[in-house]
Amino acid sequence: MKYTLIFLLFLNSITGTQAQQKNPLENKVVITNNDQPTKAYTNAQDELQVNVSPKDVLKFKSAKSVRYSDFGAKGDGKTDDIDAIAATHAFANLHGLLVKADDGATYYISGKERTAIIQTNTDFGTANFIIDDTEVKNRNAPIFTVSSALQSFKLKTITSLKKNQTKIDVPLPGPCLITAINANVKQYIRFGLNQNNGSSQTDIFLVDKNGQVDMKAPIIWDFDQITDMTALPIDEKELKITGGNFTTIANKEESKYNYYNRNIAIRRSHVLLEGMKHYIKDEGDHGAPYGGFINIGECAYVTVKNTLLTGHFAYSTIGAAGKPVTMGTYDLSVNRAVNISFVNCTQTNSIDDSKYWGILGSNFCKNLLYDGCILSRFDAHQGVANATIKNSTLGHMGINAIGSGTLIIENSTVRARSFVNLRSDYGSTWQGELIIRNCIFIPAAGKPVSASIISGANTGQHNFGYTCYMPEKITIENLKIDDAEHPDNYQGPAIFANFNPEMKDTTYQEKFPYVKTKEVTLKTITSASNKALRVSDNLFMFKEVKISAK
């Protein structure tokens, strides 16, 4: 008996600084059950062939699980085991079996192009995985892709959308994640050293089988035209991936924007990844950046829990403006995803060490959560709608946000130069509300700097592809500012940094007006310097902001 499994993966390699076109990566696995020993091997075309003896088929199905060693993995830390690993998952996917790594094994994964497709529960246990990136055939080929057996499909009858629209009129097989694109409108037209011409207008949202939109993640843009619309059915049963100790041997490529995506790519909804550890070794004085060891994209309801991560060395290159720029490089990446949670996640290196880049980058997301995390950065590049950070500690790169809805930070400590940084390269825009409750702010981890709670910059002279807003309403309750170390000329902590030093009076004209905050509510703000909280160095810019203290 012969089964042919063809997995067509559309891997979206959007990084924190740029987006690449989707390239199909085809993994063809041919499974037979001839009366020969169970083994995995490759043919002349480098296609993976798997034979499972009839006796083993019955044994594995009876046990309801398979191990990598069942398909020839040595686990000795020297033999390349990626074919055996991919074969194990291919057979497990066909029969709905749990996959288990062998405790104590060390699986070496070379730079050959082979992706293991995970569609069933997987327990990596205490096993070690060595991912060797020193000689890689395809840097965009993940080691594992967590995928759905459900197929996406195009929606061609919907020609426009409205912000906060409650329903789309189209028949659906069940709950779906919808992605809408208008390639004729450009947004997030980046400003600065990594300047670009923007990204196509994009929105993602959830609908039920009747087309009702989940208003906890609403449509945030008006679409006068839709050039592409895709529906991805949502798996409603949770898939669990647990354990595993992964070590990446860092690449030695030239320091350019050639992102490595030798990772675990999650492209399925309702996934729990728990108890994983990722380390990095042999980083030198140069290397290409990484697009996230845990790379979550085009899915919903994913939780990463009790996981240990590692920040990457930050290397420099020449940016789009022709000047040196430090490249973003990530251990966590989230793109075009809804309802993504990081719970009790930490990192191996210091969250205050600036030679390591901030650990998370994200684009086009809704409802992101940090809960109980100790990480160097939270970051939303090309917009997040609603984000919550609670019970967490953020390091030297702090909280960077662009987006809309409600940004809530509570019971958390921030050790960056500002408590919240509204990214200036995307217009320092947040269309909605900012709430800070029961938090501690340690400016620059205790270095002598002039402290601002909210930082950003917008001259009003650049077209970002949308109107830029400061948070309409800001609430700050029970904030302790540890600014005991400060410059000699320190005037005290400010609510706002100087977003535009050139805006000194009414003679300054904005080509693209920046909508300022209307109201700030303060309650119980204390500083170690005993200096009072002030509005800003730029009193003219914020002269119309209503400040109320309770």
Protein backbone atom coordinates (compact mmCIF):
# COMPACT_ATOMS: atom_id res chain seq x y z
CA MET A 1 0.00 0.00 0.00
CA LYS A 2 1.35 3.46 -0.88
CA TYR A 3 0.49 6.91 0.36
CA THR A 4 1.77 10.13 -1.17
CA LEU A 5 1.71 13.14 1.10
CA ILE A 6 2.46 16.48 -0.46
CA PHE A 7 2.75 19.37 1.95
CA LEU A 8 2.63 22.76 0.30
CA LEU A 9 3.71 25.36 2.79
CA PHE A 10 3.34 29.02 2.13
CA LEU A 11 5.89 30.38 4.55
CA ASN A 12 5.58 34.06 5.28
CA SER A 13 9.03 35.36 6.19
CA ILE A 14 8.03 38.83 7.39
CA THR A 15 10.70 40.19 9.68
CA GLY A 16 10.84 43.22 11.85
CA THR A 17 12.42 45.30 9.11
CA GLN A 18 11.17 43.94 5.82
CA ALA A 19 8.75 41.48 4.20
CA GLN A 20 9.68 38.87 1.65
CA GLN A 21 7.39 37.34 -0.95
CA LYS A 22 5.81 34.03 -0.05
CA ASN A 23 7.68 31.22 -1.69
CA PRO A 24 6.14 27.75 -1.83
CA LEU A 25 8.34 25.12 -0.23
CA GLU A 26 7.24 21.67 -1.27
CA ASN A 27 8.02 18.71 0.94
CA LYS A 28 7.06 15.50 -0.77
CA VAL A 29 7.01 12.39 1.38
CA VAL A 30 6.19 8.99 -0.08
CA ILE A 31 5.12 6.42 2.52
CA THR A 32 4.90 2.72 1.76
CA ASN A 33 4.18 -0.32 3.96
CA ASN A 34 6.03 -3.07 2.14
CA ASP A 35 7.18 -6.18 3.99
CA GLN A 36 10.62 -4.64 4.51
CA PRO A 37 12.25 -3.06 7.59
CA THR A 38 10.94 0.33 8.67
CA LYS A 39 13.29 3.08 7.51
CA ALA A 40 13.51 6.53 5.98
CA TYR A 41 15.72 7.35 3.01
CA THR A 42 15.97 9.79 0.10
CA ASN A 43 15.76 9.04 -3.62
CA ALA A 44 17.84 10.55 -6.42
CA GLN A 45 15.64 13.67 -6.40
CA ASP A 46 16.27 14.10 -2.67
CA GLU A 47 12.61 13.27 -1.96
CA LEU A 48 11.97 11.59 1.35
CA GLN A 49 10.88 7.96 1.12
CA VAL A 50 9.48 6.14 4.14
CA ASN A 51 8.72 2.45 4.41
CA VAL A 52 6.87 1.15 7.46
CA SER A 53 6.54 -2.61 7.79
CA PRO A 54 2.97 -3.95 8.30
CA LYS A 55 4.02 -5.22 11.72
CA ASP A 56 5.25 -1.79 12.77
CA VAL A 57 2.14 -0.10 11.40
CA LEU A 58 0.05 -2.21 13.79
CA LYS A 59 2.49 -1.64 16.66
CA PHE A 60 2.56 2.14 16.26
CA LYS A 61 -1.19 2.43 15.86
CA SER A 62 -1.73 0.27 18.93
CA ALA A 63 0.68 2.41 20.97
CA LYS A 64 -0.92 5.58 19.53
CA SER A 65 2.55 7.09 19.33
CA VAL A 66 5.85 6.96 17.45
CA ARG A 67 9.41 7.92 18.32
CA TYR A 68 12.14 9.35 16.15
CA SER A 69 14.26 6.28 16.80
CA ASP A 70 11.49 4.15 15.24
CA PHE A 71 12.37 5.74 11.91
CA GLY A 72 16.14 5.53 12.22
CA ALA A 73 17.14 8.62 14.21
CA LYS A 74 20.46 7.98 15.97
CA GLY A 75 20.29 10.79 18.51
CA ASP A 76 24.07 10.71 18.91
CA GLY A 77 24.64 14.40 18.27
CA LYS A 78 26.67 13.71 15.12
CA THR A 79 24.47 11.87 12.63
CA ASP A 80 22.10 14.07 10.65
CA ASP A 81 18.66 13.04 11.93
CA ILE A 82 16.41 15.48 10.07
CA ASP A 83 15.17 12.88 7.54
CA ALA A 84 14.19 10.47 10.30
CA ILE A 85 12.49 13.29 12.21
CA ALA A 86 10.53 14.42 9.14
CA ALA A 87 9.58 10.81 8.36
CA THR A 88 8.30 10.26 11.89
CA HIS A 89 6.01 13.26 11.68
CA ALA A 90 4.79 12.33 8.19
CA PHE A 91 3.69 8.88 9.41
CA ALA A 92 2.19 10.34 12.59
CA ASN A 93 0.22 12.90 10.58
CA LEU A 94 -1.21 10.15 8.38
CA HIS A 95 -2.48 8.13 11.35
CA GLY A 96 -3.10 10.83 13.98
CA LEU A 97 -0.36 9.63 16.36
CA LEU A 98 1.55 11.36 19.14
CA VAL A 99 5.24 11.96 18.35
CA LYS A 100 7.82 11.50 21.10
CA ALA A 101 11.51 12.31 21.13
CA ASP A 102 13.78 9.86 22.92
CA ASP A 103 14.78 11.12 26.35
CA GLY A 104 18.49 11.80 26.56
CA ALA A 105 18.94 11.83 22.78
CA THR A 106 20.81 14.62 20.98
CA TYR A 107 19.53 15.09 17.45
CA TYR A 108 21.88 16.83 15.02
CA ILE A 109 20.15 18.80 12.26
CA SER A 110 22.36 19.79 9.35
CA GLY A 111 21.89 22.62 6.87
CA LYS A 112 20.12 20.45 4.27
CA GLU A 113 16.70 21.55 3.09
CA ARG A 114 14.17 19.40 4.91
CA THR A 115 11.17 20.54 6.96
CA ALA A 116 9.33 18.28 9.39
CA ILE A 117 5.58 18.92 9.30
CA ILE A 118 3.85 18.77 12.69
CA GLN A 119 0.11 18.09 12.61
CA THR A 120 -0.22 15.99 15.79
CA ASN A 121 0.71 16.43 19.45
CA THR A 122 4.47 16.33 19.92
CA ASP A 123 6.52 15.74 23.07
CA PHE A 124 10.18 16.72 22.66
CA GLY A 125 10.72 15.81 26.31
CA THR A 126 14.28 16.26 27.58
CA ALA A 127 15.85 15.60 24.18
CA ASN A 128 18.42 17.98 22.72
CA PHE A 129 18.34 19.34 19.18
CA ILE A 130 21.43 20.90 17.58
CA ILE A 131 20.57 23.11 14.60
CA ASP A 132 23.72 23.77 12.57
CA ASP A 133 23.41 27.00 10.59
CA THR A 134 27.02 27.19 9.46
CA GLU A 135 26.29 25.70 6.01
CA VAL A 136 22.64 26.08 5.05
CA LYS A 137 21.12 25.21 1.69
CA ASN A 138 17.92 27.26 2.18
CA ARG A 139 17.87 29.76 5.04
CA ASN A 140 14.08 30.16 4.61
CA ALA A 141 13.30 26.48 5.19
CA PRO A 142 12.01 25.93 8.76
CA ILE A 143 13.14 22.93 10.77
CA PHE A 144 9.55 22.31 11.88
CA THR A 145 6.31 23.74 10.55
CA VAL A 146 3.20 23.32 12.67
CA SER A 147 0.47 23.20 10.05
CA SER A 148 -3.19 22.44 9.62
CA ALA A 149 -4.75 19.78 7.45
CA LEU A 150 -7.40 22.37 6.63
CA GLN A 151 -6.84 24.27 3.41
CA SER A 152 -7.11 28.02 2.92
CA PHE A 153 -9.24 29.37 0.09
CA LYS A 154 -9.84 32.63 -1.72
CA LEU A 155 -12.86 34.85 -1.18
CA LYS A 156 -13.58 36.61 -4.47
CA THR A 157 -17.08 38.00 -3.98
CA ILE A 158 -16.23 40.60 -1.34
CA THR A 159 -15.00 43.80 -2.95
CA SER A 160 -14.81 46.22 0.00
CA LEU A 161 -14.79 46.43 3.80
CA LYS A 162 -15.60 49.09 6.36
CA LYS A 163 -13.90 49.74 9.68
CA ASN A 164 -15.81 47.99 12.51
CA GLN A 165 -17.98 46.11 10.00
CA THR A 166 -19.77 43.37 11.94
CA LYS A 167 -20.35 40.75 9.23
CA ILE A 168 -19.13 39.56 5.85
CA ASP A 169 -21.72 38.01 3.55
CA VAL A 170 -20.09 34.81 2.36
CA PRO A 171 -20.71 31.12 3.12
CA LEU A 172 -17.99 29.53 5.25
CA PRO A 173 -17.33 25.93 6.36
CA GLY A 174 -16.70 27.07 9.94
CA PRO A 175 -14.76 29.69 11.92
CA CYS A 176 -12.04 31.29 9.80
CA LEU A 177 -9.14 33.72 9.98
CA ILE A 178 -9.62 36.24 7.19
CA THR A 179 -6.79 38.19 5.58
CA ALA A 180 -7.74 41.15 3.39
CA ILE A 181 -5.27 43.06 1.21
CA ASN A 182 -5.50 46.11 -1.03
CA ALA A 183 -2.25 46.26 -2.98
CA ASN A 184 -3.22 49.64 -4.40
CA VAL A 185 -2.97 51.39 -1.02
CA LYS A 186 0.34 51.64 0.84
CA GLN A 187 0.56 52.06 4.60
CA TYR A 188 3.37 51.93 7.17
CA ILE A 189 5.55 53.96 4.83
CA ARG A 190 8.63 53.79 6.98
CA PHE A 191 10.70 56.83 7.91
CA GLY A 192 14.37 56.91 8.86
CA LEU A 193 17.40 54.73 8.29
CA ASN A 194 15.27 51.74 7.25
CA GLN A 195 12.95 53.84 5.08
CA ASN A 196 10.75 52.10 2.53
CA ASN A 197 7.71 52.59 0.31
CA GLY A 198 5.32 50.92 2.71
CA SER A 199 3.26 47.73 2.79
CA SER A 200 -0.01 46.93 1.08
CA GLN A 201 -3.05 47.76 3.19
CA THR A 202 -3.65 44.63 5.26
CA ASP A 203 -6.15 43.51 7.87
CA ILE A 204 -6.76 40.22 9.64
CA PHE A 205 -9.87 39.28 11.59
CA LEU A 206 -11.85 36.33 12.87
CA VAL A 207 -15.32 35.31 11.72
CA ASP A 208 -17.67 32.49 12.67
CA LYS A 209 -19.31 30.16 10.14
CA ASN A 210 -22.03 32.77 9.54
CA GLY A 211 -19.51 35.48 8.74
CA GLN A 212 -19.99 37.35 12.03
CA VAL A 213 -16.83 39.27 12.90
CA ASP A 214 -15.30 38.79 16.36
CA MET A 215 -15.49 42.38 17.59
CA LYS A 216 -12.74 41.73 20.13
CA ALA A 217 -10.46 41.88 17.09
CA PRO A 218 -12.39 44.21 14.79
CA ILE A 219 -11.72 45.31 11.23
CA ILE A 220 -9.54 48.40 11.68
CA TRP A 221 -9.36 49.87 8.14
CA ASP A 222 -11.75 50.97 5.41
CA PHE A 223 -11.04 49.00 2.24
CA ASP A 224 -12.34 50.77 -0.87
CA GLN A 225 -11.00 47.85 -2.88
CA ILE A 226 -9.77 44.34 -2.10
CA THR A 227 -7.12 42.84 -4.35
CA ASP A 228 -6.75 39.61 -2.37
CA MET A 229 -8.82 37.96 0.35
CA THR A 230 -8.06 34.61 1.93
CA ALA A 231 -9.98 32.52 4.48
CA LEU A 232 -8.07 30.03 6.61
CA PRO A 233 -10.29 27.59 8.53
CA ILE A 234 -9.47 27.46 12.24
CA ASP A 235 -8.64 24.15 13.90
CA GLU A 236 -10.77 24.12 17.02
CA LYS A 237 -8.92 21.29 18.81
CA GLU A 238 -5.73 22.39 20.53
CA LEU A 239 -2.44 20.90 19.34
CA LYS A 240 0.23 20.61 22.05
CA ILE A 241 4.00 20.77 21.65
CA THR A 242 5.98 20.28 24.84
CA GLY A 243 9.59 20.20 26.01
CA GLY A 244 12.78 20.13 23.99
CA ASN A 245 16.21 21.75 24.37
CA PHE A 246 17.22 23.45 21.12
CA THR A 247 20.63 24.96 20.35
CA THR A 248 21.29 27.00 17.22
CA ILE A 249 24.90 27.12 15.99
CA ALA A 250 24.83 30.63 14.57
CA ASN A 251 25.37 31.39 10.90
CA LYS A 252 28.59 33.06 9.75
CA GLU A 253 27.16 34.97 6.80
CA GLU A 254 27.93 38.56 5.88
CA SER A 255 25.96 41.02 8.00
CA LYS A 256 23.17 41.90 5.57
CA TYR A 257 19.38 41.69 5.65
CA ASN A 258 19.35 37.99 4.69
CA TYR A 259 17.07 36.69 7.41
CA TYR A 260 17.48 33.12 8.64
CA ASN A 261 14.26 31.25 9.33
CA ARG A 262 15.62 27.90 10.50
CA ASN A 263 13.00 27.72 13.17
CA ILE A 264 9.72 26.38 14.44
CA ALA A 265 7.08 28.00 12.23
CA ILE A 266 3.57 27.89 13.68
CA ARG A 267 0.98 28.19 10.90
CA ARG A 268 -1.97 26.50 12.65
CA SER A 269 -4.56 27.92 15.03
CA HIS A 270 -5.10 26.68 18.59
CA VAL A 271 -1.55 25.65 19.47
CA LEU A 272 0.05 25.40 22.92
CA LEU A 273 3.85 25.37 22.95
CA GLU A 274 5.13 24.75 26.48
CA GLY A 275 8.41 24.06 28.25
CA MET A 276 10.76 24.61 25.30
CA LYS A 277 14.29 26.00 25.65
CA HIS A 278 16.31 27.68 22.91
CA TYR A 279 20.01 28.51 23.14
CA ILE A 280 22.44 30.12 20.70
CA LYS A 281 26.17 29.39 20.43
CA ASP A 282 29.19 30.49 18.40
CA GLU A 283 28.01 33.98 17.51
CA GLY A 284 31.01 35.91 16.18
CA ASP A 285 31.74 39.43 15.00
CA HIS A 286 29.42 39.15 12.01
CA GLY A 287 26.35 37.23 10.89
CA ALA A 288 22.98 37.46 9.19
CA PRO A 289 19.94 38.25 11.35
CA TYR A 290 17.23 35.82 12.45
CA GLY A 291 13.49 36.00 11.85
CA GLY A 292 12.46 34.32 15.11
CA PHE A 293 13.15 30.80 16.37
CA ILE A 294 9.50 30.61 17.34
CA ASN A 295 7.84 32.19 14.32
CA ILE A 296 4.06 32.54 14.55
CA GLY A 297 2.12 33.60 11.47
CA GLU A 298 -1.28 33.48 9.78
CA CYS A 299 -3.06 31.82 12.68
CA ALA A 300 -4.99 32.51 15.88
CA TYR A 301 -5.13 31.33 19.50
CA VAL A 302 -1.46 30.41 20.04
CA THR A 303 0.09 30.30 23.52
CA VAL A 304 3.81 30.05 24.23
CA LYS A 305 4.24 29.11 27.89
CA ASN A 306 7.08 28.44 30.35
CA THR A 307 9.60 28.83 27.55
CA LEU A 308 13.26 29.91 27.73
CA LEU A 309 14.59 31.98 24.84
CA THR A 310 17.84 33.70 23.87
CA GLY A 311 18.49 37.15 22.46
CA HIS A 312 20.69 37.34 19.35
CA PHE A 313 23.78 39.48 18.83
CA ALA A 314 22.87 42.69 17.02
CA TYR A 315 24.97 43.27 13.89
CA SER A 316 25.18 46.41 11.75
CA THR A 317 24.84 46.95 8.02
CA ILE A 318 24.11 49.79 5.61
CA GLY A 319 20.40 50.61 5.65
CA ALA A 320 18.05 51.86 2.96
CA ALA A 321 19.09 55.46 3.65
CA GLY A 322 22.73 54.61 2.90
CA LYS A 323 23.85 54.91 6.50
CA PRO A 324 24.88 52.30 9.11
CA VAL A 325 21.99 50.70 10.93
CA THR A 326 21.68 47.93 13.50
CA MET A 327 19.67 45.03 12.12
CA GLY A 328 16.70 43.68 14.04
CA THR A 329 17.16 40.00 14.87
CA TYR A 330 14.64 37.99 16.86
CA ASP A 331 13.99 34.84 18.82
CA LEU A 332 10.23 35.51 18.76
CA SER A 333 8.30 36.70 15.73
CA VAL A 334 4.54 37.13 15.21
CA ASN A 335 2.97 38.17 11.91
CA ARG A 336 -0.64 38.35 10.74
CA ALA A 337 -1.91 36.61 13.84
CA VAL A 338 -4.72 37.10 16.36
CA ASN A 339 -4.93 36.22 20.07
CA ILE A 340 -1.29 35.32 20.70
CA SER A 341 -0.08 34.90 24.30
CA PHE A 342 3.35 34.60 25.88
CA VAL A 343 3.06 33.33 29.45
CA ASN A 344 5.94 32.94 31.92
CA CYS A 345 8.60 33.27 29.23
CA THR A 346 12.19 34.31 30.03
CA GLN A 347 15.53 34.58 28.26
CA THR A 348 19.02 33.21 28.91
CA ASN A 349 20.93 36.48 28.53
CA SER A 350 20.54 39.75 30.41
CA ILE A 351 17.49 41.77 29.47
CA ASP A 352 19.61 44.90 30.08
CA ASP A 353 22.53 43.97 27.78
CA SER A 354 22.31 46.14 24.66
CA LYS A 355 24.62 43.96 22.57
CA TYR A 356 21.64 41.60 22.24
CA TRP A 357 18.71 42.77 20.14
CA GLY A 358 15.21 42.86 21.62
CA ILE A 359 13.64 39.47 21.56
CA LEU A 360 10.22 40.04 19.89
CA GLY A 361 9.16 41.57 16.60
CA SER A 362 5.58 41.60 15.28
CA ASN A 363 3.51 42.91 12.36
CA PHE A 364 -0.22 43.07 11.55
CA CYS A 365 -1.39 41.45 14.79
CA LYS A 366 -4.35 41.75 17.16
CA ASN A 367 -4.62 40.97 20.86
CA LEU A 368 -1.04 40.26 21.89
CA LEU A 369 -0.34 39.33 25.52
CA TYR A 370 2.71 39.16 27.80
CA ASP A 371 1.88 37.66 31.19
CA GLY A 372 4.59 36.84 33.72
CA CYS A 373 7.41 37.38 31.20
CA ILE A 374 10.95 38.64 31.78
CA LEU A 375 12.12 39.68 28.32
CA SER A 376 14.17 42.46 26.75
CA ARG A 377 11.43 43.84 24.52
CA PHE A 378 7.83 43.94 23.41
CA ASP A 379 7.51 45.34 19.92
CA ALA A 380 4.78 46.00 17.37
CA HIS A 381 6.26 47.20 14.08
CA GLN A 382 3.47 47.46 11.53
CA GLY A 383 0.64 47.73 13.99
CA VAL A 384 -1.11 45.79 16.70
CA ALA A 385 -4.75 46.22 17.62
CA ASN A 386 -4.98 45.78 21.40
CA ALA A 387 -2.08 44.61 23.52
CA THR A 388 -1.72 43.70 27.20
CA ILE A 389 1.44 43.44 29.26
CA LYS A 390 1.00 42.32 32.86
CA ASN A 391 3.06 40.83 35.69
CA SER A 392 6.16 41.24 33.52
CA THR A 393 9.60 42.87 33.40
CA LEU A 394 10.84 44.50 30.21
CA GLY A 395 14.53 45.19 29.60
CA HIS A 396 16.67 47.66 27.69
CA MET A 397 14.45 47.89 24.59
CA GLY A 398 11.24 48.16 26.60
CA ILE A 399 7.77 48.51 25.15
CA ASN A 400 7.58 49.68 21.53
CA ALA A 401 4.11 50.02 20.10
CA ILE A 402 2.36 51.18 16.95
CA GLY A 403 -1.32 50.48 16.50
CA SER A 404 -4.82 51.01 17.79
CA GLY A 405 -7.32 49.96 20.42
CA THR A 406 -6.26 49.62 24.05
CA LEU A 407 -2.68 49.20 25.27
CA ILE A 408 -2.73 48.01 28.90
CA ILE A 409 0.39 47.71 31.06
CA GLU A 410 -0.13 46.61 34.65
CA ASN A 411 1.83 45.14 37.54
CA SER A 412 4.98 45.37 35.45
CA THR A 413 8.48 46.85 35.54
CA VAL A 414 10.09 48.61 32.59
CA ARG A 415 13.87 49.20 32.53
CA ALA A 416 14.15 51.10 29.21
CA ARG A 417 14.79 54.79 28.45
CA SER A 418 11.04 55.42 28.38
CA PHE A 419 8.13 53.46 29.78
CA VAL A 420 6.37 53.26 26.41
CA ASN A 421 8.00 54.16 23.10
CA LEU A 422 5.67 54.98 20.22
CA ARG A 423 7.86 54.06 17.25
CA SER A 424 8.89 57.17 15.31
CA ASP A 425 9.69 55.23 12.11
CA TYR A 426 5.95 54.52 11.79
CA GLY A 427 4.72 57.92 12.97
CA SER A 428 4.46 57.30 16.73
CA THR A 429 0.82 56.45 16.22
CA TRP A 430 -1.58 54.82 18.67
CA GLN A 431 -5.24 55.40 17.85
CA GLY A 432 -6.93 54.54 21.10
CA GLU A 433 -6.23 54.39 24.81
CA LEU A 434 -3.15 53.79 26.97
CA ILE A 435 -3.57 52.47 30.52
CA ILE A 436 -0.66 52.09 32.97
CA ARG A 437 -1.49 50.62 36.41
CA ASN A 438 0.59 49.51 39.39
CA CYS A 439 3.93 49.64 37.60
CA ILE A 440 7.58 50.51 38.24
CA PHE A 441 9.68 52.53 35.80
CA ILE A 442 13.47 52.32 36.14
CA PRO A 443 14.76 54.66 33.41
CA ALA A 444 17.60 53.06 31.42
CA ALA A 445 17.95 50.37 34.12
CA GLY A 446 19.27 52.98 36.57
CA LYS A 447 21.60 54.95 34.29
CA PRO A 448 21.46 58.75 34.55
CA VAL A 449 18.95 59.83 31.87
CA SER A 450 16.16 62.35 31.70
CA ALA A 451 13.07 60.20 32.20
CA SER A 452 9.97 60.33 29.98
CA ILE A 453 7.03 58.01 30.43
CA ILE A 454 5.96 58.19 26.77
CA SER A 455 8.49 58.78 23.98
CA GLY A 456 8.27 59.11 20.23
CA ALA A 457 8.70 61.61 17.41
CA ASN A 458 6.60 62.97 14.57
CA THR A 459 7.40 66.15 12.66
CA GLY A 460 4.15 66.13 10.72
CA GLN A 461 6.13 66.31 7.48
CA HIS A 462 6.12 62.62 6.43
CA ASN A 463 3.24 60.67 4.90
CA PHE A 464 3.05 57.31 6.67
CA GLY A 465 -0.01 56.24 4.66
CA TYR A 466 -2.45 56.97 7.50
CA THR A 467 -3.33 59.72 9.96
CA CYS A 468 -1.05 59.50 13.00
CA TYR A 469 -2.48 59.75 16.51
CA MET A 470 -1.19 59.94 20.02
CA PRO A 471 -3.29 57.93 22.49
CA GLU A 472 -6.54 59.88 22.83
CA LYS A 473 -6.80 59.07 26.55
CA ILE A 474 -3.95 58.13 28.87
CA THR A 475 -4.50 56.80 32.40
CA ILE A 476 -1.54 56.38 34.77
CA GLU A 477 -2.26 54.96 38.22
CA ASN A 478 0.20 53.96 40.94
CA LEU A 479 3.43 54.42 39.00
CA LYS A 480 6.75 54.42 40.86
CA ILE A 481 9.58 56.11 38.96
CA ASP A 482 13.02 55.06 40.20
CA ASP A 483 14.97 58.06 38.89
CA ALA A 484 17.41 58.43 41.78
CA GLU A 485 20.23 58.39 39.22
CA HIS A 486 19.78 61.34 36.88
CA PRO A 487 21.72 64.12 35.08
CA ASP A 488 22.70 67.25 37.00
CA ASN A 489 20.26 69.42 35.02
CA TYR A 490 17.36 67.01 35.51
CA GLN A 491 14.01 68.80 35.75
CA GLY A 492 12.04 65.74 36.81
CA PRO A 493 10.18 62.98 34.97
CA ALA A 494 8.00 64.03 32.03
CA ILE A 495 4.77 62.51 30.79
CA PHE A 496 5.79 63.16 27.16
CA ALA A 497 9.20 63.38 25.56
CA ASN A 498 9.79 66.24 23.13
CA PHE A 499 8.08 64.67 20.09
CA ASN A 500 8.91 67.63 17.80
CA PRO A 501 11.53 70.17 18.97
CA GLU A 502 10.80 72.35 15.92
CA MET A 503 7.17 72.89 16.98
CA LYS A 504 7.74 75.92 19.20
CA ASP A 505 4.84 78.19 18.24
CA THR A 506 1.94 78.64 15.82
CA THR A 507 4.25 79.39 12.89
CA TYR A 508 5.11 75.70 12.58
CA GLN A 509 2.91 73.96 10.02
CA GLU A 510 2.39 70.20 9.78
CA LYS A 511 1.76 68.82 6.27
CA PHE A 512 0.33 65.69 7.84
CA PRO A 513 -1.13 66.77 11.21
CA TYR A 514 -0.31 64.62 14.21
CA VAL A 515 -3.41 64.25 16.40
CA LYS A 516 -2.44 64.95 20.01
CA THR A 517 -3.64 63.36 23.23
CA LYS A 518 -6.84 64.89 24.61
CA GLU A 519 -6.74 63.78 28.24
CA VAL A 520 -4.26 62.41 30.78
CA THR A 521 -5.50 61.14 34.17
CA LEU A 522 -2.91 60.73 36.93
CA LYS A 523 -3.20 59.02 40.31
CA THR A 524 -0.41 58.35 42.81
CA ILE A 525 2.76 58.99 40.80
CA THR A 526 5.96 58.95 42.88
CA SER A 527 9.61 59.51 41.97
CA ALA A 528 12.81 58.55 43.77
CA SER A 529 14.26 61.95 42.84
CA ASN A 530 11.34 63.61 44.67
CA LYS A 531 10.89 65.83 41.62
CA ALA A 532 7.33 66.40 40.44
CA LEU A 533 5.97 64.88 37.28
CA ARG A 534 5.80 67.47 34.50
CA VAL A 535 4.12 67.49 31.11
CA SER A 536 7.07 67.79 28.68
CA ASP A 537 10.07 69.85 27.60
CA ASN A 538 7.76 71.00 24.78
CA LEU A 539 4.91 72.73 26.59
CA PHE A 540 3.63 74.34 23.38
CA MET A 541 3.10 71.01 21.62
CA PHE A 542 1.04 69.65 24.51
CA LYS A 543 -0.65 72.87 25.59
CA GLU A 544 -4.15 71.59 24.83
CA VAL A 545 -3.80 68.28 26.68
CA LYS A 546 -6.10 68.15 29.69
CA ILE A 547 -4.18 66.87 32.73
CA SER A 548 -6.23 65.76 35.71
CA ALA A 549 -4.86 64.39 38.97
CA LYS A 550 -6.89 62.29 41.38
